[in-house]
Amino acid sequence: MAITFTMVSDAQETSGSFSTQITTSYTYGFLLHKPQNTKIKKPLIVFLHGSGERGNDLEKLKVHGPLKYIKNHELDSYILAPQCVENGNWEAESLYQLIQKVCKENAIDTNRIYLTGLSMGGWGAWDLALAHPEFFAALVPTASFVNLMQEDEACRLKDIPIRAFHGLQDDVVSLETITEVYKKLKECNTDVKLTIFEDADHDSWSKVYDNKEIYDWMLQQNKK
């Protein structure tokens, strides 16, 4: 005896449309150092801190980097140091808008804007430079990690002079991350250099930012 089942489908097709808008807000405190003579256009150094300087205490921004350097040295330049909120991270477009605001409100030579950062800030500097490669006259990442997307897009930075620094003994950020992006940059950028400090760990930035040489080099760079 055979039993036959017949299935009758009552499925229906519908159509429609959907739209949404997702907005993310970013808030940065910041310090802006101004040179003595603000009546003529001067360069701008943008410094992005590491994870240890996040929060709402702006004095932390003077612990490392250019704002530490100018405690005992002169720099004829604006210095912009934004601060991430606690547990926050750098985001390229919001940083770009902040820099544009500072440029609009001050006598800044937009052909001489330099971008630098350490550790988490070094990653942020790569990210911001990749988002707006036409905007910066030089890039100086220090003890920075680089993600795969940044590595793949490295040659977007072919026209930016780059000086990268890392410690051979760094056990926080692997040296391999920066050497891989450096190899790719060498294929397309004629003005890129990677300096590896044999005796430095993750704090390779002290050798960089406490040294007059890196500021002299940055201030010589001009998009013209």
C-alpha atoms as a PDB file:
ATOM      1  CA  MET A   1       0.000   0.000   0.000  1.00  0.00           C
ATOM      2  CA  ALA A   2       1.461   3.374  -1.040  1.00  0.00           C
ATOM      3  CA  ILE A   3       0.634   6.646   0.670  1.00  0.00           C
ATOM      4  CA  THR A   4       1.133   9.866  -1.295  1.00  0.00           C
ATOM      5  CA  PHE A   5       1.486  13.285   0.363  1.00  0.00           C
ATOM      6  CA  THR A   6       0.805  16.423  -1.625  1.00  0.00           C
ATOM      7  CA  MET A   7       2.354  19.665  -0.281  1.00  0.00           C
ATOM      8  CA  VAL A   8       0.632  22.915  -1.087  1.00  0.00           C
ATOM      9  CA  SER A   9       2.804  26.011  -0.597  1.00  0.00           C
ATOM     10  CA  ASP A  10       1.181  29.194   0.612  1.00  0.00           C
ATOM     11  CA  ALA A  11       4.466  31.193   0.806  1.00  0.00           C
ATOM     12  CA  GLN A  12       4.125  34.833  -0.115  1.00  0.00           C
ATOM     13  CA  GLU A  13       6.671  37.324  -1.377  1.00  0.00           C
ATOM     14  CA  THR A  14       6.852  40.771   0.133  1.00  0.00           C
ATOM     15  CA  SER A  15       8.950  43.806  -0.662  1.00  0.00           C
ATOM     16  CA  GLY A  16       9.951  46.850   1.267  1.00  0.00           C
ATOM     17  CA  SER A  17      12.724  49.298   2.023  1.00  0.00           C
ATOM     18  CA  PHE A  18      14.773  50.112   5.092  1.00  0.00           C
ATOM     19  CA  SER A  19      16.997  53.027   6.003  1.00  0.00           C
ATOM     20  CA  THR A  20      18.829  53.860   9.187  1.00  0.00           C
ATOM     21  CA  GLN A  21      21.387  56.293  10.484  1.00  0.00           C
ATOM     22  CA  ILE A  22      23.941  55.379  13.133  1.00  0.00           C
ATOM     23  CA  THR A  23      25.789  58.280  14.709  1.00  0.00           C
ATOM     24  CA  THR A  24      28.817  57.957  16.946  1.00  0.00           C
ATOM     25  CA  SER A  25      30.007  60.903  19.005  1.00  0.00           C
ATOM     26  CA  TYR A  26      33.662  61.484  19.879  1.00  0.00           C
ATOM     27  CA  THR A  27      34.923  63.871  22.508  1.00  0.00           C
ATOM     28  CA  TYR A  28      38.532  64.933  22.909  1.00  0.00           C
ATOM     29  CA  GLY A  29      40.056  67.214  25.443  1.00  0.00           C
ATOM     30  CA  PHE A  30      43.192  68.801  24.049  1.00  0.00           C
ATOM     31  CA  LEU A  31      46.139  71.070  24.712  1.00  0.00           C
ATOM     32  CA  LEU A  32      47.343  73.528  22.087  1.00  0.00           C
ATOM     33  CA  HIS A  33      50.780  75.034  22.514  1.00  0.00           C
ATOM     34  CA  LYS A  34      51.276  78.233  20.529  1.00  0.00           C
ATOM     35  CA  PRO A  35      54.586  79.706  19.359  1.00  0.00           C
ATOM     36  CA  GLN A  36      55.657  83.163  20.507  1.00  0.00           C
ATOM     37  CA  ASN A  37      54.810  84.906  17.237  1.00  0.00           C
ATOM     38  CA  THR A  38      51.308  83.969  16.153  1.00  0.00           C
ATOM     39  CA  LYS A  39      50.905  86.793  13.633  1.00  0.00           C
ATOM     40  CA  ILE A  40      52.604  84.851  10.853  1.00  0.00           C
ATOM     41  CA  LYS A  41      51.830  81.311   9.770  1.00  0.00           C
ATOM     42  CA  LYS A  42      53.679  78.593  11.648  1.00  0.00           C
ATOM     43  CA  PRO A  43      53.798  74.780  11.346  1.00  0.00           C
ATOM     44  CA  LEU A  44      51.677  72.401  13.418  1.00  0.00           C
ATOM     45  CA  ILE A  45      52.802  69.188  15.125  1.00  0.00           C
ATOM     46  CA  VAL A  46      49.922  66.831  15.960  1.00  0.00           C
ATOM     47  CA  PHE A  47      50.810  64.379  18.735  1.00  0.00           C
ATOM     48  CA  LEU A  48      48.707  61.317  19.604  1.00  0.00           C
ATOM     49  CA  HIS A  49      49.382  59.790  23.021  1.00  0.00           C
ATOM     50  CA  GLY A  50      49.450  56.130  24.077  1.00  0.00           C
ATOM     51  CA  SER A  51      46.884  54.167  26.075  1.00  0.00           C
ATOM     52  CA  GLY A  52      48.338  55.213  29.436  1.00  0.00           C
ATOM     53  CA  GLU A  53      47.466  58.879  28.911  1.00  0.00           C
ATOM     54  CA  ARG A  54      43.740  58.440  28.300  1.00  0.00           C
ATOM     55  CA  GLY A  55      41.229  60.071  30.620  1.00  0.00           C
ATOM     56  CA  ASN A  56      40.414  63.664  31.560  1.00  0.00           C
ATOM     57  CA  ASP A  57      43.694  64.841  33.092  1.00  0.00           C
ATOM     58  CA  LEU A  58      45.327  66.982  30.406  1.00  0.00           C
ATOM     59  CA  GLU A  59      48.570  67.134  32.385  1.00  0.00           C
ATOM     60  CA  LYS A  60      49.166  63.534  31.273  1.00  0.00           C
ATOM     61  CA  LEU A  61      49.776  64.890  27.767  1.00  0.00           C
ATOM     62  CA  LYS A  62      53.003  66.475  29.029  1.00  0.00           C
ATOM     63  CA  VAL A  63      54.497  63.200  30.284  1.00  0.00           C
ATOM     64  CA  HIS A  64      55.818  62.097  26.867  1.00  0.00           C
ATOM     65  CA  GLY A  65      56.314  63.616  23.460  1.00  0.00           C
ATOM     66  CA  PRO A  66      56.581  67.188  22.189  1.00  0.00           C
ATOM     67  CA  LEU A  67      54.840  68.808  25.183  1.00  0.00           C
ATOM     68  CA  LYS A  68      57.456  67.237  27.450  1.00  0.00           C
ATOM     69  CA  TYR A  69      60.240  68.410  25.133  1.00  0.00           C
ATOM     70  CA  ILE A  70      59.202  72.071  25.195  1.00  0.00           C
ATOM     71  CA  LYS A  71      59.488  72.226  28.986  1.00  0.00           C
ATOM     72  CA  ASN A  72      63.215  72.768  28.427  1.00  0.00           C
ATOM     73  CA  HIS A  73      63.511  73.549  24.715  1.00  0.00           C
ATOM     74  CA  GLU A  74      62.075  75.988  22.200  1.00  0.00           C
ATOM     75  CA  LEU A  75      59.973  74.893  19.231  1.00  0.00           C
ATOM     76  CA  ASP A  76      58.738  77.509  16.786  1.00  0.00           C
ATOM     77  CA  SER A  77      55.593  75.561  16.093  1.00  0.00           C
ATOM     78  CA  TYR A  78      52.061  74.944  17.239  1.00  0.00           C
ATOM     79  CA  ILE A  79      51.633  71.620  19.032  1.00  0.00           C
ATOM     80  CA  LEU A  80      48.205  69.993  19.213  1.00  0.00           C
ATOM     81  CA  ALA A  81      47.796  67.119  21.674  1.00  0.00           C
ATOM     82  CA  PRO A  82      44.265  65.680  21.880  1.00  0.00           C
ATOM     83  CA  GLN A  83      43.307  63.271  24.649  1.00  0.00           C
ATOM     84  CA  CYS A  84      41.158  60.150  24.339  1.00  0.00           C
ATOM     85  CA  VAL A  85      38.547  59.529  26.987  1.00  0.00           C
ATOM     86  CA  GLU A  86      39.143  56.641  29.399  1.00  0.00           C
ATOM     87  CA  ASN A  87      39.009  53.325  27.474  1.00  0.00           C
ATOM     88  CA  GLY A  88      38.592  55.280  24.234  1.00  0.00           C
ATOM     89  CA  ASN A  89      40.570  54.962  21.034  1.00  0.00           C
ATOM     90  CA  TRP A  90      41.626  57.201  18.166  1.00  0.00           C
ATOM     91  CA  GLU A  91      39.186  57.739  15.317  1.00  0.00           C
ATOM     92  CA  ALA A  92      40.465  59.285  12.110  1.00  0.00           C
ATOM     93  CA  GLU A  93      37.572  61.486  10.965  1.00  0.00           C
ATOM     94  CA  SER A  94      36.934  63.086  14.342  1.00  0.00           C
ATOM     95  CA  LEU A  95      40.661  63.860  14.681  1.00  0.00           C
ATOM     96  CA  TYR A  96      40.686  65.323  11.193  1.00  0.00           C
ATOM     97  CA  GLN A  97      37.817  67.635  12.101  1.00  0.00           C
ATOM     98  CA  LEU A  98      39.617  68.735  15.266  1.00  0.00           C
ATOM     99  CA  ILE A  99      42.770  69.563  13.305  1.00  0.00           C
ATOM    100  CA  GLN A 100      40.758  71.512  10.745  1.00  0.00           C
ATOM    101  CA  LYS A 101      39.134  73.502  13.556  1.00  0.00           C
ATOM    102  CA  VAL A 102      42.539  74.348  15.040  1.00  0.00           C
ATOM    103  CA  CYS A 103      43.876  75.354  11.612  1.00  0.00           C
ATOM    104  CA  LYS A 104      40.880  77.606  10.995  1.00  0.00           C
ATOM    105  CA  GLU A 105      41.252  79.377  14.330  1.00  0.00           C
ATOM    106  CA  ASN A 106      45.036  79.864  14.238  1.00  0.00           C
ATOM    107  CA  ALA A 107      47.738  81.069  11.841  1.00  0.00           C
ATOM    108  CA  ILE A 108      48.912  77.629  10.754  1.00  0.00           C
ATOM    109  CA  ASP A 109      50.872  76.841   7.616  1.00  0.00           C
ATOM    110  CA  THR A 110      48.815  73.995   6.144  1.00  0.00           C
ATOM    111  CA  ASN A 111      51.780  72.905   4.024  1.00  0.00           C
ATOM    112  CA  ARG A 112      53.641  72.065   7.228  1.00  0.00           C
ATOM    113  CA  ILE A 113      51.380  69.850   9.347  1.00  0.00           C
ATOM    114  CA  TYR A 114      53.220  66.933  10.954  1.00  0.00           C
ATOM    115  CA  LEU A 115      51.642  63.852  12.510  1.00  0.00           C
ATOM    116  CA  THR A 116      53.264  61.727  15.197  1.00  0.00           C
ATOM    117  CA  GLY A 117      52.221  59.321  17.938  1.00  0.00           C
ATOM    118  CA  LEU A 118      53.459  56.608  20.262  1.00  0.00           C
ATOM    119  CA  SER A 119      52.131  53.080  20.813  1.00  0.00           C
ATOM    120  CA  MET A 120      48.318  53.368  20.521  1.00  0.00           C
ATOM    121  CA  GLY A 121      48.911  56.869  19.202  1.00  0.00           C
ATOM    122  CA  GLY A 122      51.313  55.503  16.605  1.00  0.00           C
ATOM    123  CA  TRP A 123      48.520  53.264  15.335  1.00  0.00           C
ATOM    124  CA  GLY A 124      46.218  56.294  15.340  1.00  0.00           C
ATOM    125  CA  ALA A 125      48.782  58.272  13.352  1.00  0.00           C
ATOM    126  CA  TRP A 126      48.978  55.563  10.685  1.00  0.00           C
ATOM    127  CA  ASP A 127      45.180  55.439  10.528  1.00  0.00           C
ATOM    128  CA  LEU A 128      44.739  59.198  10.221  1.00  0.00           C
ATOM    129  CA  ALA A 129      47.484  59.535   7.609  1.00  0.00           C
ATOM    130  CA  LEU A 130      45.928  56.733   5.544  1.00  0.00           C
ATOM    131  CA  ALA A 131      42.535  58.447   5.721  1.00  0.00           C
ATOM    132  CA  HIS A 132      43.956  61.823   4.613  1.00  0.00           C
ATOM    133  CA  PRO A 133      47.354  61.286   2.987  1.00  0.00           C
ATOM    134  CA  GLU A 134      47.163  64.630   1.188  1.00  0.00           C
ATOM    135  CA  PHE A 135      46.975  66.547   4.460  1.00  0.00           C
ATOM    136  CA  PHE A 136      50.281  65.827   6.189  1.00  0.00           C
ATOM    137  CA  ALA A 137      53.835  66.906   5.389  1.00  0.00           C
ATOM    138  CA  ALA A 138      55.456  64.168   7.519  1.00  0.00           C
ATOM    139  CA  LEU A 139      54.569  61.100   9.581  1.00  0.00           C
ATOM    140  CA  VAL A 140      56.494  59.889  12.669  1.00  0.00           C
ATOM    141  CA  PRO A 141      55.017  56.739  14.299  1.00  0.00           C
ATOM    142  CA  THR A 142      56.865  55.388  17.352  1.00  0.00           C
ATOM    143  CA  ALA A 143      56.518  51.951  19.012  1.00  0.00           C
ATOM    144  CA  SER A 144      53.371  51.525  16.941  1.00  0.00           C
ATOM    145  CA  PHE A 145      51.385  48.513  15.927  1.00  0.00           C
ATOM    146  CA  VAL A 146      49.929  48.255  12.431  1.00  0.00           C
ATOM    147  CA  ASN A 147      46.847  46.260  11.511  1.00  0.00           C
ATOM    148  CA  LEU A 148      46.449  44.256   8.303  1.00  0.00           C
ATOM    149  CA  MET A 149      44.251  46.853   6.610  1.00  0.00           C
ATOM    150  CA  GLN A 150      46.850  49.566   7.269  1.00  0.00           C
ATOM    151  CA  GLU A 151      49.578  47.276   5.952  1.00  0.00           C
ATOM    152  CA  ASP A 152      47.624  46.519   2.769  1.00  0.00           C
ATOM    153  CA  GLU A 153      47.002  50.215   2.094  1.00  0.00           C
ATOM    154  CA  ALA A 154      50.538  51.366   2.946  1.00  0.00           C
ATOM    155  CA  CYS A 155      51.261  52.807  -0.489  1.00  0.00           C
ATOM    156  CA  ARG A 156      48.556  55.419  -0.022  1.00  0.00           C
ATOM    157  CA  LEU A 157      51.376  57.107   1.910  1.00  0.00           C
ATOM    158  CA  LYS A 158      53.803  57.072  -1.005  1.00  0.00           C
ATOM    159  CA  ASP A 159      54.175  60.872  -1.024  1.00  0.00           C
ATOM    160  CA  ILE A 160      54.638  61.448   2.727  1.00  0.00           C
ATOM    161  CA  PRO A 161      58.147  61.489   4.256  1.00  0.00           C
ATOM    162  CA  ILE A 162      58.073  58.911   7.072  1.00  0.00           C
ATOM    163  CA  ARG A 163      60.389  58.233   9.995  1.00  0.00           C
ATOM    164  CA  ALA A 164      59.315  55.208  12.056  1.00  0.00           C
ATOM    165  CA  PHE A 165      60.950  54.054  15.295  1.00  0.00           C
ATOM    166  CA  HIS A 166      60.811  50.855  17.343  1.00  0.00           C
ATOM    167  CA  GLY A 167      62.671  49.095  20.135  1.00  0.00           C
ATOM    168  CA  LEU A 168      64.282  45.738  19.424  1.00  0.00           C
ATOM    169  CA  GLN A 169      63.389  44.582  22.953  1.00  0.00           C
ATOM    170  CA  ASP A 170      59.737  45.696  22.692  1.00  0.00           C
ATOM    171  CA  ASP A 171      57.597  42.951  24.259  1.00  0.00           C
ATOM    172  CA  VAL A 172      54.339  44.916  23.981  1.00  0.00           C
ATOM    173  CA  VAL A 173      54.215  45.603  20.250  1.00  0.00           C
ATOM    174  CA  SER A 174      56.013  43.115  18.028  1.00  0.00           C
ATOM    175  CA  LEU A 175      58.740  44.522  15.810  1.00  0.00           C
ATOM    176  CA  GLU A 176      57.318  42.382  12.998  1.00  0.00           C
ATOM    177  CA  THR A 177      54.243  44.591  12.678  1.00  0.00           C
ATOM    178  CA  ILE A 178      56.298  47.632  11.693  1.00  0.00           C
ATOM    179  CA  THR A 179      58.885  45.802   9.572  1.00  0.00           C
ATOM    180  CA  GLU A 180      56.168  44.383   7.325  1.00  0.00           C
ATOM    181  CA  VAL A 181      54.616  47.758   6.585  1.00  0.00           C
ATOM    182  CA  TYR A 182      58.096  49.228   6.126  1.00  0.00           C
ATOM    183  CA  LYS A 183      58.875  46.631   3.428  1.00  0.00           C
ATOM    184  CA  LYS A 184      55.715  47.589   1.549  1.00  0.00           C
ATOM    185  CA  LEU A 185      56.444  51.303   1.853  1.00  0.00           C
ATOM    186  CA  LYS A 186      59.945  50.850   0.463  1.00  0.00           C
ATOM    187  CA  GLU A 187      58.370  49.648  -2.771  1.00  0.00           C
ATOM    188  CA  CYS A 188      56.572  52.949  -3.371  1.00  0.00           C
ATOM    189  CA  ASN A 189      57.968  55.644  -1.047  1.00  0.00           C
ATOM    190  CA  THR A 190      61.466  57.031  -1.642  1.00  0.00           C
ATOM    191  CA  ASP A 191      61.579  58.908   1.673  1.00  0.00           C
ATOM    192  CA  VAL A 192      60.847  56.349   4.383  1.00  0.00           C
ATOM    193  CA  LYS A 193      63.187  55.181   7.144  1.00  0.00           C
ATOM    194  CA  LEU A 194      62.796  52.702  10.001  1.00  0.00           C
ATOM    195  CA  THR A 195      65.104  53.093  13.005  1.00  0.00           C
ATOM    196  CA  ILE A 196      65.379  50.161  15.427  1.00  0.00           C
ATOM    197  CA  PHE A 197      66.937  50.880  18.822  1.00  0.00           C
ATOM    198  CA  GLU A 198      68.767  47.730  19.903  1.00  0.00           C
ATOM    199  CA  ASP A 199      68.717  48.612  23.606  1.00  0.00           C
ATOM    200  CA  ALA A 200      65.114  49.900  23.814  1.00  0.00           C
ATOM    201  CA  ASP A 201      61.933  48.153  24.908  1.00  0.00           C
ATOM    202  CA  HIS A 202      58.434  49.548  24.368  1.00  0.00           C
ATOM    203  CA  ASP A 203      59.562  52.951  25.628  1.00  0.00           C
ATOM    204  CA  SER A 204      61.540  53.698  22.490  1.00  0.00           C
ATOM    205  CA  TRP A 205      59.714  57.023  22.306  1.00  0.00           C
ATOM    206  CA  SER A 206      61.941  58.665  24.900  1.00  0.00           C
ATOM    207  CA  LYS A 207      64.883  58.308  22.505  1.00  0.00           C
ATOM    208  CA  VAL A 208      62.796  59.949  19.800  1.00  0.00           C
ATOM    209  CA  TYR A 209      60.906  62.776  21.491  1.00  0.00           C
ATOM    210  CA  ASP A 210      63.657  63.855  23.882  1.00  0.00           C
ATOM    211  CA  ASN A 211      65.944  64.417  20.912  1.00  0.00           C
ATOM    212  CA  LYS A 212      66.174  67.680  18.974  1.00  0.00           C
ATOM    213  CA  GLU A 213      66.931  65.782  15.774  1.00  0.00           C
ATOM    214  CA  ILE A 214      63.383  64.565  15.082  1.00  0.00           C
ATOM    215  CA  TYR A 215      61.908  68.053  15.480  1.00  0.00           C
ATOM    216  CA  ASP A 216      64.545  69.561  13.199  1.00  0.00           C
ATOM    217  CA  TRP A 217      63.696  66.943  10.589  1.00  0.00           C
ATOM    218  CA  MET A 218      59.932  67.440  10.848  1.00  0.00           C
ATOM    219  CA  LEU A 219      60.134  71.209  10.616  1.00  0.00           C
ATOM    220  CA  GLN A 220      62.156  70.949   7.414  1.00  0.00           C
ATOM    221  CA  GLN A 221      59.373  69.050   5.627  1.00  0.00           C
ATOM    222  CA  ASN A 222      57.081  71.067   3.396  1.00  0.00           C
ATOM    223  CA  LYS A 223      54.380  69.800   1.028  1.00  0.00           C
ATOM    224  CA  LYS A 224      55.439  72.431  -1.513  1.00  0.00           C
END
